[in-house]
Protein backbone atom coordinates (compact mmCIF):
# COMPACT_ATOMS: atom_id res chain seq x y z
CA UNK A 1 108.64 124.57 99.54
CA UNK A 2 108.09 122.54 102.52
CA UNK A 3 109.14 123.56 106.04
CA UNK A 4 111.14 120.34 106.38
CA UNK A 5 112.86 121.36 103.14
CA UNK A 6 113.81 124.71 104.23
CA UNK A 7 115.13 123.51 107.62
CA UNK A 8 117.29 120.53 105.83
CA UNK A 9 118.76 123.53 103.87
CA UNK A 10 119.53 125.64 106.68
CA UNK A 11 121.21 122.59 108.35
CA UNK A 12 123.26 121.94 105.49
CA UNK A 13 124.48 125.70 105.68
CA UNK A 14 125.81 125.29 109.29
CA UNK A 15 129.26 124.88 110.56
CA UNK A 16 130.03 121.35 111.72
CA UNK A 17 130.61 122.70 115.38
CA UNK A 18 126.89 123.71 115.58
CA UNK A 19 125.51 120.28 114.45
CA UNK A 20 125.95 118.88 117.70
CA UNK A 21 123.77 121.53 119.28
CA UNK A 22 121.09 121.06 116.69
CA UNK A 23 121.19 117.12 117.30
CA UNK A 24 120.79 117.82 120.97
CA UNK A 25 117.87 120.17 120.54
CA UNK A 26 116.06 117.58 118.31
CA UNK A 27 116.52 114.90 120.98
CA UNK A 28 115.11 117.45 123.56
CA UNK A 29 112.37 118.21 121.36
CA UNK A 30 111.32 114.67 120.80
CA UNK A 31 111.55 113.71 124.56
CA UNK A 32 109.34 116.83 125.49
CA UNK A 33 106.79 115.56 123.03
CA UNK A 34 106.62 112.10 124.44
CA UNK A 35 106.47 113.28 127.88
CA UNK A 36 103.66 115.80 127.23
CA UNK A 37 101.87 113.70 124.66
CA UNK A 38 98.17 112.97 125.62
CA UNK A 39 95.87 110.56 124.05
CA UNK A 40 94.68 111.81 120.60
CA UNK A 41 92.61 110.69 117.95
CA UNK A 42 93.63 109.65 114.69
CA UNK A 43 91.89 112.41 112.85
CA UNK A 44 93.52 115.08 115.30
CA UNK A 45 97.09 113.27 114.48
CA UNK A 46 96.26 113.63 110.64
CA UNK A 47 95.39 117.46 111.25
CA UNK A 48 98.59 117.98 112.97
CA UNK A 49 100.55 116.26 110.12
CA UNK A 50 98.78 118.38 107.40
CA UNK A 51 99.69 121.54 109.30
CA UNK A 52 103.14 120.18 109.66
CA UNK A 53 103.18 119.87 105.96
CA UNK A 54 101.69 123.29 105.24
CA UNK A 55 98.93 121.43 103.13
CA UNK A 56 96.33 123.63 101.66
CA UNK A 57 93.21 124.26 103.13
CA UNK A 58 91.06 122.82 100.49
CA UNK A 59 93.37 119.73 100.15
CA UNK A 60 90.71 117.25 101.35
CA UNK A 61 88.20 118.41 98.61
CA UNK A 62 90.60 119.16 95.73
CA UNK A 63 93.19 116.29 96.49
CA UNK A 64 93.07 114.91 92.84
CA UNK A 65 94.25 118.42 91.88
CA UNK A 66 97.16 118.44 94.19
CA UNK A 67 98.20 114.78 93.76
CA UNK A 68 97.55 114.36 89.93
CA UNK A 69 97.42 117.91 88.67
CA UNK A 70 93.79 117.62 87.47
CA UNK A 71 91.72 120.61 87.11
CA UNK A 72 89.93 121.79 90.31
CA UNK A 73 86.10 121.00 90.83
């Protein structure tokens, strides 16, 4: 299960009064990221996305297996 799916499930279980705090926390995270963001390369941005999505370490070599369920090479 992806991290985002886990987080969404947890948010769905929260009482309504806590959702305002969650929204503020997310906004704070976004603004902190923008303020501290330095120039990066496209490759490093893609690597960050791969980590966030919790992709397997051999995804680049075995992408046909993970995307189309073909046997691993």
